[in-house]
Protein backbone atom coordinates (compact mmCIF):
# COMPACT_ATOMS: atom_id res chain seq x y z
CA MET A 1 35.76 -46.16 -49.28
CA PRO A 2 34.19 -45.64 -45.85
CA ASN A 3 36.13 -46.80 -42.80
CA LEU A 4 35.78 -47.01 -39.02
CA ASP A 5 36.48 -43.27 -38.68
CA ASP A 6 33.30 -42.70 -40.72
CA VAL A 7 31.46 -45.12 -38.43
CA ARG A 8 32.78 -43.31 -35.34
CA SER A 9 31.71 -39.92 -36.73
CA SER A 10 28.27 -41.16 -37.75
CA LEU A 11 27.67 -42.80 -34.37
CA ALA A 12 28.64 -39.58 -32.60
CA ASP A 13 26.08 -37.68 -34.66
CA GLU A 14 23.39 -40.27 -33.88
CA HIS A 15 24.07 -40.65 -30.12
CA GLY A 16 25.44 -44.13 -30.80
CA LEU A 17 22.20 -45.39 -32.36
CA ALA A 18 22.48 -48.02 -35.06
CA VAL A 19 20.59 -50.96 -36.50
CA VAL A 20 22.17 -54.35 -35.88
CA SER A 21 21.16 -57.36 -37.97
CA THR A 22 21.87 -61.06 -37.57
CA VAL A 23 20.75 -64.13 -39.50
CA GLN A 24 18.50 -66.65 -37.81
CA THR A 25 18.97 -70.39 -38.29
CA ASP A 26 16.03 -70.43 -40.76
CA GLY A 27 17.72 -67.74 -42.89
CA ARG A 28 15.50 -64.81 -41.87
CA VAL A 29 17.20 -61.58 -40.84
CA LEU A 30 16.57 -60.13 -37.39
CA SER A 31 17.22 -56.40 -36.93
CA SER A 32 17.00 -54.15 -33.90
CA VAL A 33 18.13 -50.71 -32.78
CA VAL A 34 21.08 -50.60 -30.37
CA ASN A 35 23.74 -48.22 -29.11
CA CYS A 36 27.20 -48.88 -30.57
CA GLY A 37 30.65 -47.41 -30.45
CA VAL A 38 34.06 -48.03 -31.96
CA HIS A 39 36.19 -49.94 -29.46
CA THR A 40 39.27 -52.14 -29.34
CA ASN A 41 38.43 -55.82 -29.57
CA PRO A 42 40.11 -57.62 -26.62
CA VAL A 43 40.29 -60.84 -28.65
CA THR A 44 42.05 -59.44 -31.74
CA GLY A 45 43.45 -56.10 -30.51
CA ASP A 46 41.90 -54.38 -33.55
CA GLU A 47 39.29 -51.64 -33.62
CA CYS A 48 35.76 -52.77 -34.34
CA VAL A 49 32.14 -51.81 -33.74
CA ALA A 50 31.03 -52.79 -30.25
CA LEU A 51 27.80 -52.96 -28.29
CA VAL A 52 26.50 -54.39 -25.04
CA SER A 53 23.72 -56.96 -25.43
CA ALA A 54 21.46 -58.73 -22.98
CA GLY A 55 22.47 -62.35 -22.69
CA SER A 56 18.90 -63.42 -23.48
CA ALA A 57 18.65 -61.37 -26.70
CA ALA A 58 17.87 -63.48 -29.78
CA ARG A 59 20.88 -61.95 -31.57
CA MET A 60 23.18 -63.66 -29.07
CA GLY A 61 21.98 -67.12 -30.12
CA HIS A 62 22.42 -66.19 -33.78
CA ILE A 63 25.96 -64.95 -33.19
CA ARG A 64 26.85 -68.04 -31.14
CA ALA A 65 25.54 -70.15 -34.06
CA GLY A 66 27.93 -68.36 -36.44
CA SER A 67 25.83 -65.51 -37.85
CA GLN A 68 27.66 -62.62 -39.40
CA VAL A 69 26.59 -59.27 -37.95
CA THR A 70 25.79 -56.07 -39.81
CA VAL A 71 25.66 -52.71 -38.07
CA VAL A 72 24.24 -49.74 -40.02
CA VAL A 73 24.31 -46.10 -38.95
CA ARG A 74 22.20 -43.55 -40.84
CA ARG A 75 22.28 -39.75 -40.85
CA GLY A 76 19.63 -38.46 -43.23
CA TRP A 77 20.47 -39.92 -46.62
CA ARG A 78 24.04 -40.75 -45.60
CA TRP A 79 24.82 -44.14 -44.12
CA VAL A 80 27.67 -46.48 -43.28
CA GLY A 81 27.48 -50.21 -42.57
CA VAL A 82 29.94 -52.69 -41.08
CA THR A 83 29.62 -56.43 -41.65
CA GLY A 84 31.69 -59.23 -40.17
CA PRO A 85 31.91 -61.97 -37.60
CA ALA A 86 31.51 -61.04 -33.95
CA ASP A 87 33.51 -61.92 -30.86
CA LEU A 88 31.61 -62.16 -27.59
CA VAL A 89 33.01 -61.39 -24.15
CA GLY A 90 30.73 -61.82 -21.17
CA PRO A 91 29.74 -64.10 -18.31
CA ASP A 92 28.59 -66.80 -20.73
CA ASP A 93 31.36 -66.12 -23.25
CA MET A 94 34.61 -65.87 -21.30
CA VAL A 95 37.84 -65.50 -23.27
CA ASP A 96 41.46 -66.00 -22.28
CA GLY A 97 42.94 -62.97 -20.59
CA VAL A 98 39.61 -61.45 -19.47
CA ASP A 99 38.40 -62.48 -16.02
CA ALA A 100 35.11 -61.49 -14.31
CA GLU A 101 36.54 -58.12 -13.24
CA GLY A 102 37.77 -57.57 -16.78
CA VAL A 103 34.27 -58.28 -18.12
CA ARG A 104 32.79 -55.75 -15.66
CA GLN A 105 35.25 -53.08 -16.78
CA LEU A 106 34.84 -53.99 -20.46
CA LEU A 107 31.04 -53.63 -20.29
CA ARG A 108 31.49 -50.16 -18.80
CA SER A 109 34.04 -49.21 -21.45
CA VAL A 110 31.87 -50.36 -24.37
CA PHE A 111 28.85 -48.60 -22.82
CA ARG A 112 30.81 -45.34 -22.66
CA ALA A 113 32.16 -45.81 -26.22
CA ALA A 114 28.53 -46.10 -27.35
CA GLY A 115 27.77 -42.72 -25.78
CA GLY A 116 26.41 -44.03 -22.51
CA THR A 117 26.69 -42.31 -19.15
CA HIS A 118 25.48 -43.45 -15.75
CA ASP A 119 25.08 -41.79 -12.37
CA ASP A 120 25.63 -45.01 -10.39
CA TYR A 121 28.07 -47.50 -11.90
CA ASP A 122 27.58 -49.91 -9.00
CA GLU A 123 23.92 -50.17 -10.03
CA TYR A 124 24.98 -50.43 -13.69
CA ASP A 125 27.28 -53.34 -12.80
CA ARG A 126 24.49 -55.04 -10.82
CA VAL A 127 22.05 -54.83 -13.75
CA MET A 128 24.67 -55.98 -16.27
CA ALA A 129 25.41 -59.06 -14.13
CA ALA A 130 21.72 -59.83 -13.52
CA GLU A 131 20.96 -59.62 -17.25
CA ARG A 132 24.11 -61.57 -18.17
CA ARG A 133 25.08 -58.72 -20.48
CA THR A 134 27.80 -59.42 -23.00
CA ALA A 135 30.11 -57.20 -25.05
CA VAL A 136 29.75 -57.85 -28.78
CA PHE A 137 32.68 -56.89 -31.04
CA VAL A 138 31.87 -56.85 -34.77
CA ARG A 139 35.03 -57.26 -36.85
CA PRO A 140 34.86 -55.00 -39.93
CA ASP A 141 35.36 -57.46 -42.78
CA ARG A 142 33.39 -55.08 -44.99
CA VAL A 143 32.57 -51.37 -44.57
CA LEU A 144 30.17 -49.84 -47.09
CA GLY A 145 28.22 -46.64 -47.33
CA ASN A 146 27.84 -43.20 -48.80
CA THR A 147 29.35 -41.01 -46.12
């Protein structure tokens, strides 16, 4: 059975690119391409798939309404998918033990885990705050694929 090591390997081969899907309130599925990485979830302490999302992204409303999240990484005909609930940590989704400085550092850490680099992290922090960016941690209730 595939596991998070397979996800990590696949994401590394694909520069962190994956398709993330959520379920809208009317039952339709919304999918988009994002950068993801494997990261420790600050809520549970477990490894999960993580991404940074704009606070205004439609997926955020779906997740806040209880949507499960599926992240799929594909390399040619090989793929691995993770499905589960998501924990949010950001300016509009504060959690115990993570203050505003912790959110700033967490967004950087998830960005780097997803393969991101930046020449000016002060500018990165400014944009993340302006866009109310949030770290999304997808708990791997189910990992499927043919890796």
